C-alpha atoms as a PDB file:
ATOM      1  CA  MET A   1      21.220  -9.699  24.632  1.00  0.00           C
ATOM      2  CA  ASN A   2      22.668  -9.965  21.084  1.00  0.00           C
ATOM      3  CA  GLN A   3      20.508  -8.070  18.508  1.00  0.00           C
ATOM      4  CA  THR A   4      23.151  -6.881  16.347  1.00  0.00           C
ATOM      5  CA  ASP A   5      21.535  -8.580  13.085  1.00  0.00           C
ATOM      6  CA  LYS A   6      18.183  -7.312  14.057  1.00  0.00           C
ATOM      7  CA  TYR A   7      16.714  -3.669  13.176  1.00  0.00           C
ATOM      8  CA  PHE A   8      14.828  -1.544  15.884  1.00  0.00           C
ATOM      9  CA  VAL A   9      12.286   0.890  14.213  1.00  0.00           C
ATOM     10  CA  ILE A  10      11.102   3.983  15.816  1.00  0.00           C
ATOM     11  CA  VAL A  11       8.002   5.376  14.396  1.00  0.00           C
ATOM     12  CA  ASN A  12       6.789   9.011  14.895  1.00  0.00           C
ATOM     13  CA  PRO A  13       2.893   8.804  14.035  1.00  0.00           C
ATOM     14  CA  ALA A  14       2.637  12.454  14.371  1.00  0.00           C
ATOM     15  CA  SER A  15       5.310  13.203  11.690  1.00  0.00           C
ATOM     16  CA  GLY A  16       3.934  14.822   8.433  1.00  0.00           C
ATOM     17  CA  ASN A  17       0.869  16.234  10.310  1.00  0.00           C
ATOM     18  CA  GLY A  18      -0.071  12.803  11.384  1.00  0.00           C
ATOM     19  CA  LYS A  19       0.525  11.317   7.970  1.00  0.00           C
ATOM     20  CA  VAL A  20       2.781   8.597   9.547  1.00  0.00           C
ATOM     21  CA  ALA A  21       0.010   7.452  11.654  1.00  0.00           C
ATOM     22  CA  LYS A  22      -2.341   6.908   8.569  1.00  0.00           C
ATOM     23  CA  LYS A  23       0.505   5.106   6.687  1.00  0.00           C
ATOM     24  CA  TRP A  24       2.332   2.878   9.457  1.00  0.00           C
ATOM     25  CA  ASP A  25       0.115  -0.184   8.805  1.00  0.00           C
ATOM     26  CA  SER A  26       0.964  -0.312   5.264  1.00  0.00           C
ATOM     27  CA  ILE A  27       4.729   0.841   5.827  1.00  0.00           C
ATOM     28  CA  ARG A  28       5.057  -2.231   8.390  1.00  0.00           C
ATOM     29  CA  VAL A  29       3.673  -4.759   5.979  1.00  0.00           C
ATOM     30  CA  GLU A  30       6.695  -3.623   3.487  1.00  0.00           C
ATOM     31  CA  LEU A  31       9.229  -3.772   6.339  1.00  0.00           C
ATOM     32  CA  GLN A  32       8.138  -7.197   7.234  1.00  0.00           C
ATOM     33  CA  LYS A  33       9.009  -8.162   3.835  1.00  0.00           C
ATOM     34  CA  HIS A  34      12.640  -7.306   3.814  1.00  0.00           C
ATOM     35  CA  PHE A  35      13.780  -6.845   7.517  1.00  0.00           C
ATOM     36  CA  ASN A  36      13.730  -8.801  11.061  1.00  0.00           C
ATOM     37  CA  PHE A  37      12.691  -5.941  13.352  1.00  0.00           C
ATOM     38  CA  GLU A  38      11.099  -4.889  16.493  1.00  0.00           C
ATOM     39  CA  PHE A  39       9.324  -1.416  16.744  1.00  0.00           C
ATOM     40  CA  GLN A  40       7.954   1.172  18.926  1.00  0.00           C
ATOM     41  CA  LEU A  41       5.900   4.277  18.256  1.00  0.00           C
ATOM     42  CA  THR A  42       6.835   7.576  20.006  1.00  0.00           C
ATOM     43  CA  GLU A  43       4.121   9.230  22.025  1.00  0.00           C
ATOM     44  CA  TYR A  44       5.360  12.621  23.033  1.00  0.00           C
ATOM     45  CA  PRO A  45       8.028  15.073  22.042  1.00  0.00           C
ATOM     46  CA  SER A  46      11.697  13.573  22.627  1.00  0.00           C
ATOM     47  CA  HIS A  47      10.407  10.202  23.078  1.00  0.00           C
ATOM     48  CA  GLY A  48      12.277   8.822  20.346  1.00  0.00           C
ATOM     49  CA  GLU A  49      15.630   9.767  22.084  1.00  0.00           C
ATOM     50  CA  LYS A  50      14.763   7.766  25.112  1.00  0.00           C
ATOM     51  CA  ILE A  51      13.619   4.646  22.776  1.00  0.00           C
ATOM     52  CA  ALA A  52      16.773   4.707  20.996  1.00  0.00           C
ATOM     53  CA  ILE A  53      18.860   4.954  24.227  1.00  0.00           C
ATOM     54  CA  LYS A  54      16.881   1.828  25.286  1.00  0.00           C
ATOM     55  CA  ALA A  55      17.097  -0.030  22.290  1.00  0.00           C
ATOM     56  CA  ILE A  56      20.889   0.188  22.179  1.00  0.00           C
ATOM     57  CA  GLU A  57      21.158  -1.061  25.685  1.00  0.00           C
ATOM     58  CA  MET A  58      19.064  -3.980  24.677  1.00  0.00           C
ATOM     59  CA  GLY A  59      21.602  -4.814  21.936  1.00  0.00           C
ATOM     60  CA  TYR A  60      20.357  -3.094  18.931  1.00  0.00           C
ATOM     61  CA  ARG A  61      22.812  -1.597  16.463  1.00  0.00           C
ATOM     62  CA  LYS A  62      20.626  -0.992  13.412  1.00  0.00           C
ATOM     63  CA  ILE A  63      17.995   1.750  13.857  1.00  0.00           C
ATOM     64  CA  ILE A  64      15.514   2.869  11.309  1.00  0.00           C
ATOM     65  CA  GLY A  65      13.324   6.018  11.856  1.00  0.00           C
ATOM     66  CA  VAL A  66      10.175   6.582  10.186  1.00  0.00           C
ATOM     67  CA  GLY A  67       8.992  10.109  10.234  1.00  0.00           C
ATOM     68  CA  GLY A  68      10.728  13.363   9.489  1.00  0.00           C
ATOM     69  CA  ASP A  69      14.042  15.448  10.289  1.00  0.00           C
ATOM     70  CA  GLY A  70      13.023  16.022  13.741  1.00  0.00           C
ATOM     71  CA  LEU A  71      12.742  12.052  14.459  1.00  0.00           C
ATOM     72  CA  LEU A  72      15.909  11.626  13.125  1.00  0.00           C
ATOM     73  CA  GLN A  73      17.315  14.366  15.526  1.00  0.00           C
ATOM     74  CA  GLU A  74      15.746  12.842  18.374  1.00  0.00           C
ATOM     75  CA  ILE A  75      17.271   9.284  17.381  1.00  0.00           C
ATOM     76  CA  SER A  76      20.594  10.791  16.836  1.00  0.00           C
ATOM     77  CA  ASN A  77      20.401  12.419  20.277  1.00  0.00           C
ATOM     78  CA  GLY A  78      19.722   9.101  21.693  1.00  0.00           C
ATOM     79  CA  ILE A  79      22.714   7.458  20.145  1.00  0.00           C
ATOM     80  CA  LEU A  80      25.100  10.119  21.211  1.00  0.00           C
ATOM     81  CA  ASN A  81      23.766  10.343  24.613  1.00  0.00           C
ATOM     82  CA  GLN A  82      24.029   6.655  25.428  1.00  0.00           C
ATOM     83  CA  ASN A  83      26.836   5.073  26.923  1.00  0.00           C
ATOM     84  CA  ALA A  84      26.831   1.387  25.865  1.00  0.00           C
ATOM     85  CA  VAL A  85      28.733   1.708  22.592  1.00  0.00           C
ATOM     86  CA  PRO A  86      30.774   4.364  20.768  1.00  0.00           C
ATOM     87  CA  SER A  87      28.029   6.083  18.771  1.00  0.00           C
ATOM     88  CA  ALA A  88      29.539   5.413  15.392  1.00  0.00           C
ATOM     89  CA  GLU A  89      28.891   1.658  16.087  1.00  0.00           C
ATOM     90  CA  VAL A  90      25.339   2.314  15.754  1.00  0.00           C
ATOM     91  CA  THR A  91      23.797   2.716  12.284  1.00  0.00           C
ATOM     92  CA  VAL A  92      20.782   4.644  11.594  1.00  0.00           C
ATOM     93  CA  ALA A  93      18.554   4.920   8.561  1.00  0.00           C
ATOM     94  CA  LEU A  94      15.524   7.183   7.966  1.00  0.00           C
ATOM     95  CA  LEU A  95      12.138   6.384   5.731  1.00  0.00           C
ATOM     96  CA  SER A  96      11.465   9.981   5.547  1.00  0.00           C
ATOM     97  CA  ASN A  97       7.915  11.113   5.896  1.00  0.00           C
ATOM     98  CA  GLY A  98       7.882  14.355   7.476  1.00  0.00           C
ATOM     99  CA  THR A  99       7.208  18.092   6.770  1.00  0.00           C
ATOM    100  CA  GLY A 100      10.340  19.461   5.248  1.00  0.00           C
ATOM    101  CA  ASN A 101      12.442  15.996   4.551  1.00  0.00           C
ATOM    102  CA  ASP A 102      15.496  18.194   4.216  1.00  0.00           C
ATOM    103  CA  TRP A 103      18.188  15.983   5.293  1.00  0.00           C
ATOM    104  CA  ILE A 104      17.490  13.168   2.558  1.00  0.00           C
ATOM    105  CA  LYS A 105      18.247  16.102  -0.110  1.00  0.00           C
ATOM    106  CA  THR A 106      21.749  16.238   1.009  1.00  0.00           C
ATOM    107  CA  SER A 107      22.207  12.435   1.818  1.00  0.00           C
ATOM    108  CA  ALA A 108      20.328  11.467  -1.398  1.00  0.00           C
ATOM    109  CA  MET A 109      18.347   8.893   0.779  1.00  0.00           C
ATOM    110  CA  PRO A 110      15.294   7.949  -1.569  1.00  0.00           C
ATOM    111  CA  GLY A 111      12.137   9.491  -0.333  1.00  0.00           C
ATOM    112  CA  LYS A 112      10.144   6.790  -2.178  1.00  0.00           C
ATOM    113  CA  LEU A 113       9.390   3.888   0.470  1.00  0.00           C
ATOM    114  CA  SER A 114      10.614   0.924  -1.720  1.00  0.00           C
ATOM    115  CA  LYS A 115      13.634   2.692  -2.938  1.00  0.00           C
ATOM    116  CA  ALA A 116      14.402   3.586   0.500  1.00  0.00           C
ATOM    117  CA  MET A 117      14.236  -0.004   1.673  1.00  0.00           C
ATOM    118  CA  ASP A 118      16.536  -0.977  -0.971  1.00  0.00           C
ATOM    119  CA  THR A 119      18.924   1.529  -0.125  1.00  0.00           C
ATOM    120  CA  ILE A 120      18.981   0.256   3.526  1.00  0.00           C
ATOM    121  CA  LYS A 121      19.541  -3.301   2.372  1.00  0.00           C
ATOM    122  CA  LYS A 122      22.480  -2.303   0.289  1.00  0.00           C
ATOM    123  CA  GLY A 123      23.885  -0.767   3.481  1.00  0.00           C
ATOM    124  CA  LYS A 124      26.135   1.989   2.076  1.00  0.00           C
ATOM    125  CA  THR A 125      27.021   4.340   5.135  1.00  0.00           C
ATOM    126  CA  ILE A 126      28.913   7.491   6.132  1.00  0.00           C
ATOM    127  CA  THR A 127      29.698   8.816   9.447  1.00  0.00           C
ATOM    128  CA  GLN A 128      28.622  12.312   9.341  1.00  0.00           C
ATOM    129  CA  ASP A 129      29.290  15.244  11.745  1.00  0.00           C
ATOM    130  CA  VAL A 130      26.711  16.659  13.854  1.00  0.00           C
ATOM    131  CA  GLY A 131      26.247  20.101  15.645  1.00  0.00           C
ATOM    132  CA  LYS A 132      26.291  20.431  19.156  1.00  0.00           C
ATOM    133  CA  VAL A 133      24.000  23.562  20.042  1.00  0.00           C
ATOM    134  CA  THR A 134      23.999  25.293  23.360  1.00  0.00           C
ATOM    135  CA  PHE A 135      21.037  27.496  24.180  1.00  0.00           C
ATOM    136  CA  THR A 136      18.851  28.704  27.094  1.00  0.00           C
ATOM    137  CA  LYS A 137      15.434  27.155  27.875  1.00  0.00           C
ATOM    138  CA  ASP A 138      13.356  27.723  31.161  1.00  0.00           C
ATOM    139  CA  GLY A 139      16.189  29.947  32.466  1.00  0.00           C
ATOM    140  CA  VAL A 140      18.754  26.831  32.182  1.00  0.00           C
ATOM    141  CA  ARG A 141      21.656  26.321  29.710  1.00  0.00           C
ATOM    142  CA  GLN A 142      21.027  23.285  27.559  1.00  0.00           C
ATOM    143  CA  THR A 143      22.533  21.289  24.757  1.00  0.00           C
ATOM    144  CA  ARG A 144      21.303  19.298  22.046  1.00  0.00           C
ATOM    145  CA  TYR A 145      22.675  17.864  18.969  1.00  0.00           C
ATOM    146  CA  CYS A 146      21.338  18.585  15.257  1.00  0.00           C
ATOM    147  CA  VAL A 147      22.185  16.539  12.218  1.00  0.00           C
ATOM    148  CA  ASN A 148      21.060  18.961   9.307  1.00  0.00           C
ATOM    149  CA  PHE A 149      21.223  22.676  10.392  1.00  0.00           C
ATOM    150  CA  ALA A 150      20.593  25.061  13.269  1.00  0.00           C
ATOM    151  CA  GLY A 151      19.339  28.622  12.633  1.00  0.00           C
ATOM    152  CA  VAL A 152      18.916  32.029  14.398  1.00  0.00           C
ATOM    153  CA  GLY A 153      16.538  34.805  13.105  1.00  0.00           C
ATOM    154  CA  PHE A 154      13.893  34.380  10.672  1.00  0.00           C
ATOM    155  CA  ASP A 155      13.843  30.689   9.924  1.00  0.00           C
ATOM    156  CA  SER A 156      13.585  30.050  13.755  1.00  0.00           C
ATOM    157  CA  TYR A 157      10.767  32.688  14.002  1.00  0.00           C
ATOM    158  CA  VAL A 158       8.834  31.247  11.214  1.00  0.00           C
ATOM    159  CA  VAL A 159       8.812  27.667  12.629  1.00  0.00           C
ATOM    160  CA  ALA A 160       7.886  29.010  16.046  1.00  0.00           C
ATOM    161  CA  LYS A 161       4.954  30.885  14.774  1.00  0.00           C
ATOM    162  CA  THR A 162       3.578  28.518  12.034  1.00  0.00           C
ATOM    163  CA  LEU A 163       3.360  24.918  13.576  1.00  0.00           C
ATOM    164  CA  HIS A 164      -0.486  24.973  12.283  1.00  0.00           C
ATOM    165  CA  LEU A 165       0.928  25.137   8.689  1.00  0.00           C
ATOM    166  CA  LYS A 166       2.675  21.804   8.877  1.00  0.00           C
ATOM    167  CA  LYS A 167      -0.341  19.917   7.377  1.00  0.00           C
ATOM    168  CA  TYR A 168       0.787  21.641   3.912  1.00  0.00           C
ATOM    169  CA  GLY A 169       3.718  19.703   3.816  1.00  0.00           C
ATOM    170  CA  ALA A 170       6.924  21.065   2.032  1.00  0.00           C
ATOM    171  CA  ILE A 171       5.364  24.170   1.079  1.00  0.00           C
ATOM    172  CA  ALA A 172       4.446  24.770   4.805  1.00  0.00           C
ATOM    173  CA  TYR A 173       7.801  26.894   5.376  1.00  0.00           C
ATOM    174  CA  LEU A 174       7.184  28.801   2.315  1.00  0.00           C
ATOM    175  CA  LEU A 175       3.632  29.736   3.306  1.00  0.00           C
ATOM    176  CA  GLY A 176       4.956  30.558   6.997  1.00  0.00           C
ATOM    177  CA  MET A 177       7.574  32.852   5.465  1.00  0.00           C
ATOM    178  CA  LEU A 178       5.261  34.792   3.581  1.00  0.00           C
ATOM    179  CA  GLN A 179       2.817  34.909   6.558  1.00  0.00           C
ATOM    180  CA  CYS A 180       5.562  36.204   9.105  1.00  0.00           C
ATOM    181  CA  LEU A 181       7.480  38.430   6.579  1.00  0.00           C
ATOM    182  CA  PHE A 182       5.829  41.782   7.902  1.00  0.00           C
ATOM    183  CA  SER A 183       5.735  40.953  11.519  1.00  0.00           C
ATOM    184  CA  TYR A 184       9.457  39.658  11.701  1.00  0.00           C
ATOM    185  CA  LYS A 185      11.757  42.471  13.198  1.00  0.00           C
ATOM    186  CA  LYS A 186      15.329  41.735  12.466  1.00  0.00           C
ATOM    187  CA  PRO A 187      17.447  41.512  15.663  1.00  0.00           C
ATOM    188  CA  VAL A 188      20.921  43.012  16.068  1.00  0.00           C
ATOM    189  CA  LEU A 189      23.348  39.817  16.503  1.00  0.00           C
ATOM    190  CA  LYS A 190      26.852  39.657  17.227  1.00  0.00           C
ATOM    191  CA  ILE A 191      28.129  36.608  15.207  1.00  0.00           C
ATOM    192  CA  SER A 192      31.561  35.343  15.981  1.00  0.00           C
ATOM    193  CA  ALA A 193      33.904  32.773  14.450  1.00  0.00           C
ATOM    194  CA  ALA A 194      37.591  32.248  14.018  1.00  0.00           C
ATOM    195  CA  GLU A 195      37.141  32.783  10.261  1.00  0.00           C
ATOM    196  CA  HIS A 196      34.397  35.701  10.341  1.00  0.00           C
ATOM    197  CA  SER A 197      32.907  37.955  12.687  1.00  0.00           C
ATOM    198  CA  VAL A 198      30.184  40.540  12.225  1.00  0.00           C
ATOM    199  CA  THR A 199      27.624  42.703  14.259  1.00  0.00           C
ATOM    200  CA  THR A 200      24.629  43.281  11.946  1.00  0.00           C
ATOM    201  CA  GLU A 201      20.837  43.688  11.917  1.00  0.00           C
ATOM    202  CA  CYS A 202      20.213  40.003  10.854  1.00  0.00           C
ATOM    203  CA  TYR A 203      17.557  38.573   8.557  1.00  0.00           C
ATOM    204  CA  LEU A 204      18.964  35.070   9.539  1.00  0.00           C
ATOM    205  CA  CYS A 205      22.095  33.118  10.413  1.00  0.00           C
ATOM    206  CA  ILE A 206      22.045  29.576   9.603  1.00  0.00           C
ATOM    207  CA  THR A 207      24.664  26.965   9.927  1.00  0.00           C
ATOM    208  CA  GLY A 208      24.560  23.763   7.942  1.00  0.00           C
ATOM    209  CA  ILE A 209      25.835  20.289   7.898  1.00  0.00           C
ATOM    210  CA  GLY A 210      23.487  19.652   5.089  1.00  0.00           C
ATOM    211  CA  LYS A 211      22.756  21.915   2.138  1.00  0.00           C
ATOM    212  CA  TYR A 212      18.707  22.476   2.474  1.00  0.00           C
ATOM    213  CA  GLY A 213      16.274  23.614   5.104  1.00  0.00           C
ATOM    214  CA  GLY A 214      12.817  25.018   4.962  1.00  0.00           C
ATOM    215  CA  GLY A 215      11.374  22.312   2.769  1.00  0.00           C
ATOM    216  CA  GLY A 216      13.979  22.393  -0.051  1.00  0.00           C
ATOM    217  CA  MET A 217      15.535  25.913   0.391  1.00  0.00           C
ATOM    218  CA  LYS A 218      19.213  25.435  -0.515  1.00  0.00           C
ATOM    219  CA  LEU A 219      20.410  27.840   2.198  1.00  0.00           C
ATOM    220  CA  MET A 220      23.864  26.204   2.929  1.00  0.00           C
ATOM    221  CA  PRO A 221      24.934  25.312  -0.658  1.00  0.00           C
ATOM    222  CA  GLY A 222      28.522  24.340   0.294  1.00  0.00           C
ATOM    223  CA  ALA A 223      27.837  22.055   3.227  1.00  0.00           C
ATOM    224  CA  LEU A 224      28.888  18.598   3.195  1.00  0.00           C
ATOM    225  CA  LEU A 225      27.781  15.967   6.004  1.00  0.00           C
ATOM    226  CA  ASP A 226      31.142  14.405   6.646  1.00  0.00           C
ATOM    227  CA  ASP A 227      33.939  17.294   6.151  1.00  0.00           C
ATOM    228  CA  GLY A 228      34.184  18.470   9.861  1.00  0.00           C
ATOM    229  CA  LEU A 229      32.878  21.908   9.089  1.00  0.00           C
ATOM    230  CA  PHE A 230      29.611  23.964   9.085  1.00  0.00           C
ATOM    231  CA  PHE A 231      28.667  26.102   6.122  1.00  0.00           C
ATOM    232  CA  VAL A 232      27.299  29.295   7.424  1.00  0.00           C
ATOM    233  CA  SER A 233      25.086  32.046   5.634  1.00  0.00           C
ATOM    234  CA  VAL A 234      24.611  35.228   7.213  1.00  0.00           C
ATOM    235  CA  ALA A 235      21.956  37.146   5.490  1.00  0.00           C
ATOM    236  CA  LYS A 236      22.153  40.573   6.933  1.00  0.00           C
ATOM    237  CA  ASN A 237      19.849  43.712   6.552  1.00  0.00           C
ATOM    238  CA  LEU A 238      17.742  42.298   3.738  1.00  0.00           C
ATOM    239  CA  SER A 239      14.486  44.456   2.897  1.00  0.00           C
ATOM    240  CA  ARG A 240      11.018  42.630   2.814  1.00  0.00           C
ATOM    241  CA  MET A 241      10.767  43.510  -0.809  1.00  0.00           C
ATOM    242  CA  LYS A 242      14.295  42.091  -1.692  1.00  0.00           C
ATOM    243  CA  VAL A 243      13.366  39.008   0.265  1.00  0.00           C
ATOM    244  CA  VAL A 244      10.139  38.681  -1.864  1.00  0.00           C
ATOM    245  CA  THR A 245      11.665  39.397  -5.265  1.00  0.00           C
ATOM    246  CA  ASN A 246      14.609  36.782  -4.395  1.00  0.00           C
ATOM    247  CA  ILE A 247      12.765  33.894  -3.113  1.00  0.00           C
ATOM    248  CA  HIS A 248      13.974  32.012  -5.893  1.00  0.00           C
ATOM    249  CA  LYS A 249      17.600  32.502  -4.768  1.00  0.00           C
ATOM    250  CA  LEU A 250      16.595  30.659  -1.483  1.00  0.00           C
ATOM    251  CA  TYR A 251      15.858  27.415  -3.571  1.00  0.00           C
ATOM    252  CA  SER A 252      18.719  27.578  -5.988  1.00  0.00           C
ATOM    253  CA  GLY A 253      21.395  28.396  -3.643  1.00  0.00           C
ATOM    254  CA  ASP A 254      22.308  31.534  -5.141  1.00  0.00           C
ATOM    255  CA  LEU A 255      21.339  33.383  -1.805  1.00  0.00           C
ATOM    256  CA  VAL A 256      25.139  33.299  -0.904  1.00  0.00           C
ATOM    257  CA  HIS A 257      26.077  35.354  -3.843  1.00  0.00           C
ATOM    258  CA  MET A 258      23.847  38.448  -2.779  1.00  0.00           C
ATOM    259  CA  ASP A 259      25.788  41.394  -1.404  1.00  0.00           C
ATOM    260  CA  GLU A 260      23.679  41.173   1.879  1.00  0.00           C
ATOM    261  CA  VAL A 261      24.890  37.671   2.587  1.00  0.00           C
ATOM    262  CA  ASP A 262      28.170  36.506   4.151  1.00  0.00           C
ATOM    263  CA  ALA A 263      28.960  32.880   3.548  1.00  0.00           C
ATOM    264  CA  PHE A 264      31.882  30.983   5.396  1.00  0.00           C
ATOM    265  CA  GLU A 265      32.958  27.612   6.795  1.00  0.00           C
ATOM    266  CA  THR A 266      33.688  27.076  10.530  1.00  0.00           C
ATOM    267  CA  LYS A 267      33.891  24.652  13.250  1.00  0.00           C
ATOM    268  CA  LYS A 268      32.386  26.757  15.910  1.00  0.00           C
ATOM    269  CA  ILE A 269      30.251  29.847  16.008  1.00  0.00           C
ATOM    270  CA  ASN A 270      28.686  31.964  18.809  1.00  0.00           C
ATOM    271  CA  ILE A 271      25.865  33.982  18.366  1.00  0.00           C
ATOM    272  CA  GLU A 272      24.713  36.896  20.867  1.00  0.00           C
ATOM    273  CA  VAL A 273      21.725  39.096  20.799  1.00  0.00           C
ATOM    274  CA  VAL A 274      22.685  42.537  21.071  1.00  0.00           C
ATOM    275  CA  SER A 275      19.147  43.990  20.765  1.00  0.00           C
ATOM    276  CA  SER A 276      15.720  42.827  19.666  1.00  0.00           C
ATOM    277  CA  ASP A 277      12.091  44.069  19.687  1.00  0.00           C
ATOM    278  CA  GLN A 278      11.230  40.225  19.989  1.00  0.00           C
ATOM    279  CA  ASP A 279      12.488  36.888  21.656  1.00  0.00           C
ATOM    280  CA  VAL A 280      15.175  35.535  19.362  1.00  0.00           C
ATOM    281  CA  TYR A 281      15.111  31.533  19.364  1.00  0.00           C
ATOM    282  CA  ILE A 282      17.252  29.159  17.702  1.00  0.00           C
ATOM    283  CA  GLU A 283      15.805  25.987  15.744  1.00  0.00           C
ATOM    284  CA  ALA A 284      17.626  22.888  14.728  1.00  0.00           C
ATOM    285  CA  ASP A 285      16.378  20.481  12.162  1.00  0.00           C
ATOM    286  CA  GLY A 286      12.917  22.348  12.005  1.00  0.00           C
ATOM    287  CA  GLU A 287      12.347  22.151  16.034  1.00  0.00           C
ATOM    288  CA  VAL A 288      12.592  25.309  18.184  1.00  0.00           C
ATOM    289  CA  LEU A 289      15.064  24.759  21.002  1.00  0.00           C
ATOM    290  CA  GLY A 290      15.376  27.890  23.152  1.00  0.00           C
ATOM    291  CA  THR A 291      16.961  31.418  23.374  1.00  0.00           C
ATOM    292  CA  GLY A 292      20.502  32.800  23.487  1.00  0.00           C
ATOM    293  CA  PRO A 293      23.077  33.310  23.742  1.00  0.00           C
ATOM    294  CA  PHE A 294      23.937  30.535  21.259  1.00  0.00           C
ATOM    295  CA  GLU A 295      26.912  28.280  20.722  1.00  0.00           C
ATOM    296  CA  ILE A 296      27.047  26.033  17.775  1.00  0.00           C
ATOM    297  CA  GLU A 297      30.004  23.542  17.502  1.00  0.00           C
ATOM    298  CA  ILE A 298      30.678  20.859  15.147  1.00  0.00           C
ATOM    299  CA  VAL A 299      31.193  17.454  16.295  1.00  0.00           C
ATOM    300  CA  PRO A 300      33.067  15.363  13.686  1.00  0.00           C
ATOM    301  CA  ALA A 301      32.421  11.702  12.448  1.00  0.00           C
ATOM    302  CA  VAL A 302      29.997  10.531  15.221  1.00  0.00           C
ATOM    303  CA  LEU A 303      26.780   9.333  13.541  1.00  0.00           C
ATOM    304  CA  THR A 304      26.822   6.617  11.091  1.00  0.00           C
ATOM    305  CA  VAL A 305      23.980   6.866   8.527  1.00  0.00           C
ATOM    306  CA  ILE A 306      22.757   4.907   5.525  1.00  0.00           C
ATOM    307  CA  ILE A 307      22.849   6.921   2.451  1.00  0.00           C
ATOM    308  CA  SER A 308      22.314   6.420  -1.214  1.00  0.00           C
ATOM    309  CA  GLU A 309      24.780   4.725  -3.553  1.00  0.00           C
ATOM    310  CA  ASN A 310      24.116   7.441  -6.214  1.00  0.00           C
END
C-alpha cells in the first residue's frame, strides 16, 4: 500500500500528565484542517515504537507524534528498528505536549500548535544523529536509541524518584531536584572516552545530542543535532550547597564553566560504576532505562526530523 503522501499520527494520551488526553479532540480537529492522516493512541509504555513499525510497514513515510520527548523516543526507536526502508526515508515531526519538552528547544520546533502545524507544512528537515545506549535491565544487556540526551547520576535519580511530580509540567524536574538533593549520594564513576577519561565522585554525567534537559536546563550547551558528536558534561564532586547556589547556571549553560565540571565532545563513552551506596540508573530523554555498566555511542545522520526554518 502506498501511503507516502499521507501522515500517520501517533498520540500518547498520557503525555503531560494526561494533558494530551484532554486536548486530543481539539488537536485532531486542527490537524484535519491541514493534513490527510490516520491515527492511533498509545496504550502502554513503548507502544509508540510498535505503532511506528506497523505504520511504516503499511507504507507510511510521514509520522507526527503528539506527546513529549518520550513519545519521540518511542517513534524513533520504531523507525530505527524497522526493516522496510532505510530509516532516513521516514520523516517524523513532534507536536510537543509533554513535561519537559526539551527536544524542541534545540530543534526550534514551535511549541504552539498552530505554528507547529505551519512548520510541518513547510517541511524543512534535517537528518539528525541519535545515541545508542547499552545498559542492563532485569539482568539482561539491552540497547535503546535516544534522540536528545542520556544521563547517569543525579538526573536519572531524580527521574526515577519523582514521576509523581510530572503534573507540574516543566518545573517538575526543578522540584524533583530540590526534593532529591539531600537523599542523593554521589557514586564513584569511571568515565572513559577517547577524548577524556576520569574516575571521580560524580554529581552527573550527561551526553547530549540536543542542548537541553530537565525542562529547559541548558546542560549540554555545545550540542548540535547533526554534527556526529555528543557534547558531554561531567559534573564531578559538587557539594549540595554549590548546586543550590548555582542553579541559575543549569539554565544559562554556564554550568560547563565551573571548576568541577569537565566538558568535551566524543562519539562514544563508557560509564562504569566503581562504587555506590544506591542503584545507579541511566535515563534517556526523560525515561529511566536501566543500570550499568553503560555504553553510549553516536549513530550519525539516521533520523529525519522536521525543524523550524528560523
